Amino acid sequence: MAQTLATEVVEQIAVENGVCLYPIPMRVTDTRSSAAEIVHLPCGATLESKCPPCARRARALRAVQCRQGWHLESEPVRDPAAATDEQRHLVMVRAQWEGWRAEAAALGESTDAIDQAIADLDAAIEATGLRGDVRGRAGAVSRKRSTRRRQDAPDLPRRVMRRTTLGQTFTGSDGRAFRPSMFITLTLPSYGRVRNGVPVDPAVYDYRRAARDAIHFGRLVDRFVQNLRRVAGFDAQYFASVEPQRRLAVHLHMAVRGTVSRADLRQIVAATYHQVWWPSCDEVRFSGDRLPAWVASNGDALDGDLEGAGAYVDPSTGEVLPSWGEALDRLDADEEAVPLHVVRFGDQMDMQGVLAGTSDADQRIRYLAKYLTKSLGGGIGPEDHDRAAHAARLVEALRYEPCSPRCANWLRYGVQPKDAKPGMVPGRCRGKAHKPEHLGYGGRRVLASRKWSGKSLREHRHERRAWVLEVLGLAERGDAEREAGRYLWRPIRAGDTSLPTRRGRLLREVARAQAWRAHLADLQARAKIDPPPEAEECLSKQEMVMSC
């Protein structure tokens, strides 16, 4: 029993060589030659606890994205390309089919065949690279509320907006021009005295407020960016990461292109808030075994603005619970209504100026990507019992707290969730905010503005892939090989006898990775090929190779 397990050794070797631990096997068939081969796709996990090699590659890619967009000297926005003749022709055909569908609907005829033809045509239009939907999508009707600022929030100065994403340029005493940027850290307020990341008195620690602040933290960040741009006077771009503090409250690290004064930043933080206009969830109406029952609608048996094929009713009286829309209508009609919750930043704030090409910039980029491969609640050690108990109390406070309009916890407070469906039980919501590894924050860990680098994450990944293929002497596939429909990709089921064992597949991928790494090292030694600028963000050259 003391002998080392072969599976563990194989996985350790795979991790050391940058091979995905859980590759997805796909059978690729060439429809021309009928040749088939098995290709292993990486699982793409972003957490180190699931797949360390994939998580490290994702972290390195995010660091590349942060570096390329932080200190730009020119606008990254690119003008859309002109439509091709094929795209224009397909859109004209799409317009004809839309007219035929309208005529058939007006005559009361079936439109199923036309709808199928339109769906196939839409797929063909999308395959040409046209972005967006030619028909468009109907937007949801938003509720208009008063935009008057709260009396306890200071007013922000208004400045003339400049149509640029670049910050102001300064000239030093030596005549050199430079354009500084910012590294900002924002935190949530205090909920009670804390020592070594643990509340001094858990009985007085405000866990409910901490839970609600974590749930709505993403909206608070959006308000901060809006206020920052209004005060800065230009379309400030940002790259931010959300991380946990030692006290398990989320906080934000943000790299911002351009700069504002510290006094303006303090004023922006003090004036930033987010009001949650949701129905009240302070009074529990249903709990234990007495929960609302789902009743299927039957003609006019159920009245009201109900969504779906039924509604939840009071188990004692049979009264239909108000829908989400009805609950918001009542809230709008109440002139004395107050928001359910108001989220603000805490007093702790830090802002540092950063120049391009300095060691400070490199350090801040590494710091932004430091915790991206770890979960928000994964930093608690096995011997840290006090912090584990603190995390358990926070998770318990999140258990019955509504995380979204569609959360099942609304039934506990007598309101039907939006898009209600049968089987919803309070305390069993599957939203990310309720999971222990997220600590109430259900948003994205990386927040990047649209005009940050002018490239999507997929384009950054393609650049790294193109460099590796060029160095290895492997040309990109031509137009003939990229012909749509030539290759058929089909997943291989676990019980397929032609599929080698998982350990066998890992060993083959390790051998292939070692061959690529040796070939890459040999080419670099003979041709003195310099790695791309982002290679320093990777843990090894092997990760650059495995990005293919």
Protein backbone atom coordinates (compact mmCIF):
# COMPACT_ATOMS: atom_id res chain seq x y z
CA MET A 1 0.00 0.00 0.00
CA ALA A 2 3.01 2.32 0.44
CA GLN A 3 3.94 2.02 -3.23
CA THR A 4 3.38 5.04 -5.45
CA LEU A 5 0.31 4.88 -7.69
CA ALA A 6 1.02 4.81 -11.41
CA THR A 7 -1.88 7.19 -12.12
CA GLU A 8 -0.42 9.87 -9.88
CA VAL A 9 3.01 9.61 -11.52
CA VAL A 10 1.51 9.88 -15.02
CA GLU A 11 -0.49 12.96 -14.01
CA GLN A 12 2.56 14.58 -12.42
CA ILE A 13 4.59 14.02 -15.59
CA ALA A 14 1.72 15.45 -17.68
CA VAL A 15 1.53 18.58 -15.49
CA GLU A 16 5.29 19.11 -15.71
CA ASN A 17 5.11 18.94 -19.51
CA GLY A 18 2.07 21.20 -19.84
CA VAL A 19 -0.31 18.46 -21.01
CA CYS A 20 -4.02 18.76 -20.25
CA LEU A 21 -5.09 16.22 -17.62
CA TYR A 22 -8.59 15.74 -19.02
CA PRO A 23 -8.31 15.99 -22.82
CA ILE A 24 -11.50 15.78 -24.86
CA PRO A 25 -11.10 13.11 -27.58
CA MET A 26 -12.56 14.00 -30.99
CA ARG A 27 -12.60 11.94 -34.17
CA VAL A 28 -11.81 14.14 -37.19
CA THR A 29 -12.81 12.70 -40.56
CA ASP A 30 -11.74 14.13 -43.92
CA THR A 31 -14.79 13.83 -46.18
CA ARG A 32 -12.57 13.81 -49.31
CA SER A 33 -10.11 11.07 -48.42
CA SER A 34 -12.23 9.37 -45.71
CA ALA A 35 -9.16 9.42 -43.48
CA ALA A 36 -9.88 9.71 -39.77
CA GLU A 37 -7.70 10.55 -36.80
CA ILE A 38 -8.19 11.14 -33.09
CA VAL A 39 -7.46 14.67 -31.89
CA HIS A 40 -7.37 15.62 -28.21
CA LEU A 41 -8.72 19.04 -27.33
CA PRO A 42 -7.71 20.66 -24.02
CA CYS A 43 -10.45 20.89 -21.43
CA GLY A 44 -9.93 24.66 -21.09
CA ALA A 45 -10.30 24.76 -17.30
CA THR A 46 -9.37 28.06 -15.66
CA LEU A 47 -8.97 26.73 -12.11
CA GLU A 48 -5.72 25.09 -11.06
CA SER A 49 -7.62 22.66 -8.86
CA LYS A 50 -9.23 21.14 -11.98
CA CYS A 51 -6.41 21.18 -14.54
CA PRO A 52 -3.16 23.01 -13.70
CA PRO A 53 -1.73 23.13 -17.28
CA CYS A 54 -4.89 24.60 -18.82
CA ALA A 55 -5.27 27.05 -15.92
CA ARG A 56 -1.68 28.27 -16.27
CA ARG A 57 -2.11 28.81 -20.00
CA ALA A 58 -5.31 30.77 -19.39
CA ARG A 59 -3.55 32.91 -16.78
CA ALA A 60 -0.62 33.60 -19.12
CA LEU A 61 -3.02 34.58 -21.90
CA ARG A 62 -4.80 37.03 -19.62
CA ALA A 63 -1.46 38.55 -18.66
CA VAL A 64 -0.69 39.02 -22.37
CA GLN A 65 -4.04 40.72 -22.87
CA CYS A 66 -3.38 43.04 -19.94
CA ARG A 67 0.10 43.97 -21.14
CA GLN A 68 -0.87 44.73 -24.74
CA GLY A 69 -3.69 47.09 -23.84
CA TRP A 70 -2.42 48.97 -20.80
CA HIS A 71 -0.04 51.55 -22.29
CA LEU A 72 -1.16 52.06 -25.87
CA GLU A 73 0.08 55.07 -27.83
CA SER A 74 -2.67 54.95 -30.47
CA GLU A 75 -6.36 54.14 -30.57
CA PRO A 76 -6.97 50.36 -30.63
CA VAL A 77 -10.36 50.58 -32.34
CA ARG A 78 -10.44 49.13 -35.83
CA ASP A 79 -12.98 50.09 -38.50
CA PRO A 80 -15.25 47.22 -39.58
CA ALA A 81 -14.34 45.65 -42.92
CA ALA A 82 -16.57 46.27 -45.92
CA ALA A 83 -19.18 43.63 -46.71
CA THR A 84 -18.19 41.05 -49.31
CA ASP A 85 -20.27 40.26 -52.38
CA GLU A 86 -21.20 36.90 -50.85
CA GLN A 87 -22.47 38.55 -47.64
CA ARG A 88 -24.51 41.09 -49.59
CA HIS A 89 -26.03 38.35 -51.76
CA LEU A 90 -26.98 36.20 -48.78
CA VAL A 91 -28.58 39.13 -47.00
CA MET A 92 -30.64 39.93 -50.13
CA VAL A 93 -31.82 36.31 -50.28
CA ARG A 94 -32.62 36.52 -46.57
CA ALA A 95 -34.81 39.57 -47.24
CA GLN A 96 -36.79 37.65 -49.89
CA TRP A 97 -37.40 34.75 -47.50
CA GLU A 98 -38.52 37.19 -44.81
CA GLY A 99 -41.07 38.65 -47.22
CA TRP A 100 -42.36 35.18 -48.16
CA ARG A 101 -42.74 34.31 -44.51
CA ALA A 102 -44.77 37.46 -43.83
CA GLU A 103 -47.09 36.66 -46.76
CA ALA A 104 -47.61 33.07 -45.57
CA ALA A 105 -48.35 34.25 -42.01
CA ALA A 106 -50.87 36.80 -43.31
CA LEU A 107 -52.70 34.05 -45.26
CA GLY A 108 -52.76 31.76 -42.22
CA GLU A 109 -50.51 29.16 -43.84
CA SER A 110 -47.87 27.09 -42.05
CA THR A 111 -44.42 28.69 -41.94
CA ASP A 112 -42.47 25.68 -40.61
CA ALA A 113 -40.66 24.97 -43.89
CA ILE A 114 -39.87 28.65 -44.39
CA ASP A 115 -38.58 28.94 -40.81
CA GLN A 116 -36.23 26.01 -41.38
CA ALA A 117 -34.94 27.54 -44.61
CA ILE A 118 -34.40 30.87 -42.84
CA ALA A 119 -32.50 29.13 -40.00
CA ASP A 120 -30.20 27.43 -42.52
CA LEU A 121 -29.68 30.74 -44.31
CA ASP A 122 -28.85 32.50 -41.03
CA ALA A 123 -26.24 29.84 -40.30
CA ALA A 124 -24.72 30.38 -43.75
CA ILE A 125 -24.61 34.14 -43.17
CA GLU A 126 -22.90 33.66 -39.81
CA ALA A 127 -20.35 31.32 -41.40
CA THR A 128 -19.22 34.13 -43.73
CA GLY A 129 -17.97 36.11 -40.71
CA LEU A 130 -20.78 38.63 -40.48
CA ARG A 131 -21.07 39.80 -36.89
CA GLY A 132 -24.48 40.14 -35.27
CA ASP A 133 -27.96 39.08 -36.31
CA VAL A 134 -29.41 40.53 -39.52
CA ARG A 135 -32.91 40.47 -38.07
CA GLY A 136 -31.98 41.88 -34.69
CA ARG A 137 -33.34 40.97 -31.30
CA ALA A 138 -36.14 42.56 -29.37
CA GLY A 139 -34.79 44.14 -26.23
CA ALA A 140 -36.46 43.77 -22.87
CA VAL A 141 -38.46 46.73 -21.64
CA SER A 142 -36.42 48.39 -18.92
CA ARG A 143 -38.02 50.04 -15.93
CA LYS A 144 -37.35 53.76 -15.65
CA ARG A 145 -36.51 55.07 -12.21
CA SER A 146 -35.51 58.46 -10.96
CA THR A 147 -31.88 59.30 -11.73
CA ARG A 148 -31.68 61.81 -8.88
CA ARG A 149 -28.61 61.14 -6.77
CA ARG A 150 -28.91 60.18 -3.15
CA GLN A 151 -28.66 63.00 -0.65
CA ASP A 152 -25.84 61.23 1.21
CA ALA A 153 -23.67 60.96 -1.93
CA PRO A 154 -21.48 63.88 -3.09
CA ASP A 155 -21.97 65.32 -6.56
CA LEU A 156 -19.41 64.62 -9.25
CA PRO A 157 -17.86 67.28 -11.48
CA ARG A 158 -18.88 67.20 -15.13
CA ARG A 159 -16.19 67.54 -17.77
CA VAL A 160 -16.33 67.74 -21.54
CA MET A 161 -15.94 64.25 -22.97
CA ARG A 162 -13.18 63.69 -25.52
CA ARG A 163 -13.63 60.94 -28.09
CA THR A 164 -10.51 59.03 -27.19
CA THR A 165 -9.43 56.09 -25.06
CA LEU A 166 -5.94 57.50 -24.38
CA GLY A 167 -5.01 59.45 -21.29
CA GLN A 168 -3.32 62.82 -21.05
CA THR A 169 0.31 63.23 -22.13
CA PHE A 170 2.74 65.02 -19.79
CA THR A 171 6.16 66.52 -20.49
CA GLY A 172 8.99 66.16 -17.98
CA SER A 173 11.66 68.66 -17.07
CA ASP A 174 14.02 67.01 -19.54
CA GLY A 175 11.56 67.47 -22.39
CA ARG A 176 10.54 63.80 -22.59
CA ALA A 177 6.84 63.10 -23.06
CA PHE A 178 5.13 60.31 -21.15
CA ARG A 179 1.57 59.07 -20.66
CA PRO A 180 1.05 57.49 -17.19
CA SER A 181 -1.65 54.98 -16.28
CA MET A 182 -3.20 53.85 -13.00
CA PHE A 183 -3.33 50.72 -10.86
CA ILE A 184 -6.34 50.98 -8.52
CA THR A 185 -7.39 48.75 -5.61
CA LEU A 186 -10.93 49.04 -4.23
CA THR A 187 -12.44 47.13 -1.30
CA LEU A 188 -15.83 46.65 0.33
CA PRO A 189 -16.64 48.27 3.70
CA SER A 190 -16.17 46.71 7.11
CA TYR A 191 -18.85 44.44 8.60
CA GLY A 192 -17.29 44.14 12.05
CA ARG A 193 -13.92 43.95 13.77
CA VAL A 194 -11.61 41.38 12.17
CA ARG A 195 -8.33 39.91 13.41
CA ASN A 196 -6.21 37.69 11.14
CA GLY A 197 -9.08 37.41 8.67
CA VAL A 198 -11.60 36.20 11.28
CA PRO A 199 -14.33 38.25 13.01
CA VAL A 200 -13.53 39.06 16.62
CA ASP A 201 -17.19 38.53 17.53
CA PRO A 202 -19.11 36.49 14.91
CA ALA A 203 -22.39 37.31 16.67
CA VAL A 204 -22.18 41.00 15.74
CA TYR A 205 -20.53 40.54 12.34
CA ASP A 206 -23.01 41.64 9.64
CA TYR A 207 -23.04 38.53 7.45
CA ARG A 208 -26.27 39.52 5.67
CA ARG A 209 -24.80 42.80 4.49
CA ALA A 210 -21.59 41.06 3.48
CA ALA A 211 -23.58 38.53 1.44
CA ARG A 212 -25.62 41.20 -0.34
CA ASP A 213 -22.57 43.32 -1.09
CA ALA A 214 -20.82 40.32 -2.65
CA ILE A 215 -23.86 39.45 -4.80
CA HIS A 216 -24.17 42.97 -6.23
CA PHE A 217 -20.45 43.79 -6.37
CA GLY A 218 -20.37 43.57 -10.17
CA ARG A 219 -23.01 46.30 -10.56
CA LEU A 220 -21.04 48.51 -8.18
CA VAL A 221 -17.96 48.15 -10.39
CA ASP A 222 -20.02 49.16 -13.42
CA ARG A 223 -21.15 52.34 -11.64
CA PHE A 224 -17.55 53.13 -10.70
CA VAL A 225 -16.42 52.87 -14.33
CA GLN A 226 -19.25 55.16 -15.45
CA ASN A 227 -18.33 57.78 -12.87
CA LEU A 228 -14.62 57.44 -13.65
CA ARG A 229 -15.20 58.17 -17.32
CA ARG A 230 -17.45 61.12 -16.53
CA VAL A 231 -14.83 62.74 -14.31
CA ALA A 232 -11.80 61.80 -16.45
CA GLY A 233 -13.34 63.31 -19.56
CA PHE A 234 -12.43 60.43 -21.89
CA ASP A 235 -13.45 56.82 -22.55
CA ALA A 236 -11.14 55.25 -19.97
CA GLN A 237 -10.39 51.58 -20.62
CA TYR A 238 -9.67 49.05 -17.90
CA PHE A 239 -8.51 45.49 -17.15
CA ALA A 240 -9.56 44.28 -13.71
CA SER A 241 -9.51 41.10 -11.65
CA VAL A 242 -11.75 40.23 -8.70
CA GLU A 243 -10.00 38.55 -5.78
CA PRO A 244 -10.80 37.62 -2.16
CA GLN A 245 -9.34 39.43 0.82
CA ARG A 246 -8.15 37.52 3.84
CA ARG A 247 -11.44 38.35 5.55
CA LEU A 248 -13.17 36.65 2.54
CA ALA A 249 -14.67 39.89 1.18
CA VAL A 250 -14.15 40.43 -2.55
CA HIS A 251 -12.08 43.35 -3.75
CA LEU A 252 -10.96 44.73 -7.08
CA HIS A 253 -7.58 45.33 -8.72
CA MET A 254 -7.91 47.48 -11.83
CA ALA A 255 -5.39 48.60 -14.45
CA VAL A 256 -6.68 51.78 -16.09
CA ARG A 257 -5.28 53.42 -19.22
CA GLY A 258 -4.81 57.10 -18.44
CA THR A 259 -4.94 58.82 -15.09
CA VAL A 260 -6.91 61.17 -12.84
CA SER A 261 -5.82 62.96 -9.70
CA ARG A 262 -5.99 61.23 -6.33
CA ALA A 263 -8.46 63.84 -5.09
CA ASP A 264 -10.80 63.11 -8.02
CA LEU A 265 -10.47 59.37 -7.47
CA ARG A 266 -11.40 59.69 -3.78
CA GLN A 267 -14.42 61.74 -4.78
CA ILE A 268 -15.42 59.15 -7.38
CA VAL A 269 -15.21 56.31 -4.86
CA ALA A 270 -17.22 58.27 -2.28
CA ALA A 271 -19.91 59.12 -4.86
CA THR A 272 -20.24 55.60 -6.30
CA TYR A 273 -23.10 53.40 -5.14
CA HIS A 274 -25.61 50.94 -6.52
CA GLN A 275 -29.24 50.73 -5.38
CA VAL A 276 -30.96 47.35 -5.58
CA TRP A 277 -34.64 47.92 -6.38
CA TRP A 278 -35.98 44.47 -5.60
CA PRO A 279 -39.01 43.34 -3.58
CA SER A 280 -38.47 43.06 0.14
CA CYS A 281 -36.91 39.81 1.33
CA ASP A 282 -36.61 40.59 5.03
CA GLU A 283 -39.79 38.74 6.10
CA VAL A 284 -39.90 34.96 5.69
CA ARG A 285 -43.33 33.75 4.60
CA PHE A 286 -42.65 30.13 3.69
CA SER A 287 -40.09 27.79 5.23
CA GLY A 288 -39.58 24.20 6.32
CA ASP A 289 -42.20 21.85 4.92
CA ARG A 290 -44.61 24.69 4.24
CA LEU A 291 -43.46 25.85 0.81
CA PRO A 292 -45.37 27.23 -2.21
CA ALA A 293 -46.83 24.55 -4.46
CA TRP A 294 -46.66 24.52 -8.24
CA VAL A 295 -50.05 24.37 -9.96
CA ALA A 296 -50.32 23.89 -13.71
CA SER A 297 -52.53 26.45 -15.42
CA ASN A 298 -55.80 25.21 -16.92
CA GLY A 299 -57.55 27.75 -19.06
CA ASP A 300 -58.63 30.67 -16.89
CA ALA A 301 -58.06 28.86 -13.62
CA LEU A 302 -55.08 31.08 -12.81
CA ASP A 303 -55.16 34.82 -13.36
CA GLY A 304 -52.38 37.37 -13.39
CA ASP A 305 -49.26 37.98 -15.38
CA LEU A 306 -47.92 34.44 -15.21
CA GLU A 307 -44.98 33.16 -17.17
CA GLY A 308 -44.85 29.55 -18.28
CA ALA A 309 -47.47 26.82 -17.97
CA GLY A 310 -48.35 27.34 -14.31
CA ALA A 311 -47.69 29.27 -11.13
CA TYR A 312 -46.79 28.87 -7.47
CA VAL A 313 -49.58 29.20 -4.93
CA ASP A 314 -49.88 29.53 -1.17
CA PRO A 315 -50.19 25.95 0.20
CA SER A 316 -52.74 27.07 2.81
CA THR A 317 -55.03 29.43 0.93
CA GLY A 318 -54.36 28.48 -2.69
CA GLU A 319 -53.70 32.13 -3.52
CA VAL A 320 -51.42 32.69 -6.49
CA LEU A 321 -48.20 34.37 -5.49
CA PRO A 322 -47.41 37.63 -7.28
CA SER A 323 -45.18 37.21 -10.29
CA TRP A 324 -41.87 39.01 -10.60
CA GLY A 325 -43.39 41.65 -12.85
CA GLU A 326 -46.32 42.24 -10.49
CA ALA A 327 -43.97 42.59 -7.50
CA LEU A 328 -41.95 45.25 -9.33
CA ASP A 329 -45.15 47.06 -10.37
CA ARG A 330 -46.17 47.29 -6.71
CA LEU A 331 -42.73 48.60 -5.84
CA ASP A 332 -42.97 51.28 -8.55
CA ALA A 333 -46.43 52.34 -7.35
CA ASP A 334 -45.24 52.82 -3.76
CA GLU A 335 -44.01 56.42 -3.46
CA GLU A 336 -42.44 55.71 -0.07
CA ALA A 337 -40.54 52.64 -1.24
CA VAL A 338 -36.82 52.42 -0.48
CA PRO A 339 -34.22 50.22 -2.19
CA LEU A 340 -33.70 46.77 -0.77
CA HIS A 341 -29.96 47.34 -0.48
CA VAL A 342 -27.34 49.98 -1.28
CA VAL A 343 -23.83 48.82 -2.14
CA ARG A 344 -20.81 51.09 -1.60
CA PHE A 345 -17.05 50.80 -1.54
CA GLY A 346 -15.13 50.91 1.72
CA ASP A 347 -12.76 53.62 2.93
CA GLN A 348 -9.66 51.63 1.97
CA MET A 349 -8.46 52.67 -1.47
CA ASP A 350 -5.11 52.68 -3.22
CA MET A 351 -4.00 54.28 -6.50
CA GLN A 352 -0.52 54.08 -8.01
CA GLY A 353 0.79 55.67 -11.16
CA VAL A 354 2.48 53.27 -13.58
CA LEU A 355 4.64 53.98 -16.62
CA ALA A 356 5.05 51.69 -19.62
CA GLY A 357 8.10 49.46 -19.75
CA THR A 358 8.97 49.74 -16.06
CA SER A 359 9.41 46.99 -13.51
CA ASP A 360 6.37 48.35 -11.66
CA ALA A 361 4.19 47.63 -14.71
CA ASP A 362 5.49 44.05 -14.92
CA GLN A 363 4.89 43.52 -11.21
CA ARG A 364 1.33 44.87 -11.39
CA ILE A 365 0.51 42.63 -14.35
CA ARG A 366 1.73 39.57 -12.46
CA TYR A 367 -0.29 40.68 -9.46
CA LEU A 368 -3.46 41.03 -11.55
CA ALA A 369 -3.10 37.46 -12.83
CA LYS A 370 -1.83 35.98 -9.56
CA TYR A 371 -5.08 34.52 -8.23
CA LEU A 372 -6.97 33.92 -11.47
CA THR A 373 -6.34 30.17 -11.32
CA LYS A 374 -7.70 29.86 -7.76
CA SER A 375 -11.31 30.02 -6.61
CA LEU A 376 -12.47 32.86 -4.38
CA GLY A 377 -12.98 30.49 -1.47
CA GLY A 378 -10.02 28.21 -2.14
CA GLY A 379 -7.37 30.02 -0.10
CA ILE A 380 -8.27 28.41 3.24
CA GLY A 381 -5.76 25.87 4.50
CA PRO A 382 -6.77 22.56 6.10
CA GLU A 383 -5.50 23.72 9.51
CA ASP A 384 -7.18 27.14 9.37
CA HIS A 385 -10.30 26.14 11.30
CA ASP A 386 -11.31 29.68 12.29
CA ARG A 387 -11.37 30.97 8.72
CA ALA A 388 -13.15 27.81 7.58
CA ALA A 389 -15.86 28.46 10.17
CA HIS A 390 -16.04 32.09 9.03
CA ALA A 391 -16.51 30.96 5.42
CA ALA A 392 -19.21 28.48 6.49
CA ARG A 393 -21.17 31.25 8.23
CA LEU A 394 -20.94 33.44 5.12
CA VAL A 395 -22.13 30.58 2.89
CA GLU A 396 -25.05 29.99 5.27
CA ALA A 397 -25.99 33.68 5.02
CA LEU A 398 -25.94 33.32 1.24
CA ARG A 399 -28.10 30.20 1.23
CA TYR A 400 -31.47 31.97 1.32
CA GLU A 401 -30.39 35.33 -0.11
CA PRO A 402 -31.82 35.96 -3.61
CA CYS A 403 -28.96 36.21 -6.10
CA SER A 404 -30.96 37.24 -9.19
CA PRO A 405 -34.58 37.75 -10.35
CA ARG A 406 -34.64 34.07 -11.36
CA CYS A 407 -33.42 32.78 -7.99
CA ALA A 408 -35.61 30.14 -6.32
CA ASN A 409 -35.17 31.87 -2.94
CA TRP A 410 -37.86 34.41 -3.86
CA LEU A 411 -40.47 31.74 -3.07
CA ARG A 412 -39.36 31.92 0.57
CA TYR A 413 -40.52 35.56 0.65
CA GLY A 414 -43.80 35.12 -1.21
CA VAL A 415 -42.74 36.18 -4.72
CA GLN A 416 -42.56 34.04 -7.84
CA PRO A 417 -39.13 34.15 -9.49
CA LYS A 418 -38.84 35.48 -13.01
CA ASP A 419 -39.52 32.70 -15.54
CA ALA A 420 -40.76 30.44 -12.75
CA LYS A 421 -40.83 26.71 -13.43
CA PRO A 422 -41.78 23.61 -11.43
CA GLY A 423 -39.29 22.07 -9.03
CA MET A 424 -37.87 25.28 -7.60
CA VAL A 425 -37.03 25.01 -3.89
CA PRO A 426 -35.71 27.84 -1.67
CA GLY A 427 -32.17 27.19 -0.51
CA ARG A 428 -31.32 25.05 -3.53
CA CYS A 429 -30.52 27.69 -6.12
CA ARG A 430 -27.76 26.59 -8.50
CA GLY A 431 -26.45 30.10 -9.09
CA LYS A 432 -22.71 30.68 -8.77
CA ALA A 433 -23.20 33.14 -5.91
CA HIS A 434 -24.47 30.37 -3.60
CA LYS A 435 -21.51 28.05 -4.14
CA PRO A 436 -18.80 28.03 -1.43
CA GLU A 437 -16.01 28.53 -3.95
CA HIS A 438 -17.51 31.86 -5.12
CA LEU A 439 -18.33 33.50 -1.74
CA GLY A 440 -21.39 35.30 -3.09
CA TYR A 441 -19.78 36.81 -6.19
CA GLY A 442 -21.34 35.29 -9.30
CA GLY A 443 -19.71 37.48 -11.94
CA ARG A 444 -16.60 37.08 -14.06
CA ARG A 445 -13.17 37.03 -12.43
CA VAL A 446 -11.62 39.09 -15.26
CA LEU A 447 -13.26 42.33 -16.37
CA ALA A 448 -11.85 43.87 -19.56
CA SER A 449 -13.37 46.80 -21.45
CA ARG A 450 -14.20 46.39 -25.13
CA LYS A 451 -11.58 48.86 -26.39
CA TRP A 452 -8.79 47.63 -24.14
CA SER A 453 -6.43 46.07 -26.71
CA GLY A 454 -8.56 46.12 -29.86
CA LYS A 455 -8.44 42.32 -29.94
CA SER A 456 -10.54 39.60 -28.44
CA LEU A 457 -9.12 36.87 -26.23
CA ARG A 458 -9.46 34.49 -29.17
CA GLU A 459 -7.31 36.77 -31.33
CA HIS A 460 -4.64 36.92 -28.63
CA ARG A 461 -4.63 33.13 -28.53
CA HIS A 462 -4.37 32.96 -32.33
CA GLU A 463 -1.28 35.23 -32.28
CA ARG A 464 0.51 32.87 -29.90
CA ARG A 465 -0.51 29.89 -32.01
CA ALA A 466 0.72 31.55 -35.22
CA TRP A 467 4.14 32.25 -33.65
CA VAL A 468 4.57 28.66 -32.51
CA LEU A 469 3.57 27.26 -35.90
CA GLU A 470 5.98 29.61 -37.64
CA VAL A 471 8.88 28.60 -35.41
CA LEU A 472 8.13 24.90 -35.74
CA GLY A 473 7.96 25.21 -39.52
CA LEU A 474 4.28 24.27 -39.64
CA ALA A 475 2.30 26.52 -41.95
CA GLU A 476 -1.27 27.51 -41.24
CA ARG A 477 -3.92 25.55 -43.08
CA GLY A 478 -4.78 27.01 -46.44
CA ASP A 479 -8.18 27.95 -47.75
CA ALA A 480 -8.65 24.48 -49.24
CA GLU A 481 -8.13 22.81 -45.88
CA ARG A 482 -10.42 25.34 -44.20
CA GLU A 483 -13.25 24.58 -46.59
CA ALA A 484 -16.50 24.48 -44.65
CA GLY A 485 -17.86 20.97 -44.24
CA ARG A 486 -14.70 19.17 -45.34
CA TYR A 487 -13.80 17.95 -41.86
CA LEU A 488 -16.32 16.31 -39.55
CA TRP A 489 -15.62 16.64 -35.82
CA ARG A 490 -17.42 14.13 -33.64
CA PRO A 491 -16.89 13.42 -29.93
CA ILE A 492 -15.78 9.94 -28.97
CA ARG A 493 -17.79 8.28 -26.26
CA ALA A 494 -16.09 6.86 -23.21
CA GLY A 495 -17.02 3.28 -24.06
CA ASP A 496 -15.51 3.35 -27.55
CA THR A 497 -13.04 0.45 -27.86
CA SER A 498 -10.89 2.36 -30.38
CA LEU A 499 -10.07 4.98 -27.77
CA PRO A 500 -6.92 4.30 -25.71
CA THR A 501 -7.02 4.55 -21.95
CA ARG A 502 -6.68 7.96 -20.32
CA ARG A 503 -3.19 7.18 -19.02
CA GLY A 504 -2.14 5.96 -22.45
CA ARG A 505 -3.41 9.14 -24.09
CA LEU A 506 -1.58 11.28 -21.52
CA LEU A 507 1.68 9.42 -22.18
CA ARG A 508 1.32 9.96 -25.93
CA GLU A 509 0.64 13.68 -25.45
CA VAL A 510 3.69 13.94 -23.17
CA ALA A 511 5.88 12.31 -25.82
CA ARG A 512 4.53 14.66 -28.48
CA ALA A 513 5.08 17.69 -26.24
CA GLN A 514 8.67 16.68 -25.52
CA ALA A 515 9.35 16.26 -29.24
CA TRP A 516 7.94 19.71 -29.98
CA ARG A 517 9.94 21.28 -27.17
CA ALA A 518 13.18 19.71 -28.39
CA HIS A 519 12.47 20.84 -31.95
CA LEU A 520 11.68 24.35 -30.76
CA ALA A 521 14.87 24.55 -28.69
CA ASP A 522 16.93 23.34 -31.64
CA LEU A 523 15.42 25.93 -33.98
CA GLN A 524 16.00 28.72 -31.50
CA ALA A 525 19.60 27.67 -30.95
CA ARG A 526 20.39 27.59 -34.69
CA ALA A 527 18.39 30.59 -35.88
CA LYS A 528 18.44 32.63 -32.63
CA ILE A 529 14.70 33.19 -32.87
CA ASP A 530 13.44 35.61 -30.26
CA PRO A 531 10.29 34.65 -28.42
CA PRO A 532 7.26 36.93 -28.68
CA PRO A 533 6.92 39.70 -26.06
CA GLU A 534 4.28 37.77 -24.20
CA ALA A 535 6.46 34.67 -23.75
CA GLU A 536 7.83 36.04 -20.49
CA GLU A 537 4.35 35.74 -19.02
CA CYS A 538 4.41 31.95 -19.52
CA LEU A 539 5.91 29.60 -17.00
CA SER A 540 7.97 27.88 -19.69
CA LYS A 541 8.45 27.70 -23.43
CA GLN A 542 6.54 24.44 -23.30
CA GLU A 543 3.32 26.38 -22.64
CA MET A 544 3.90 28.40 -25.80
CA VAL A 545 4.22 25.16 -27.74
CA MET A 546 1.17 23.54 -26.15
CA SER A 547 -0.94 26.62 -26.99
CA CYS A 548 -1.27 25.10 -30.45
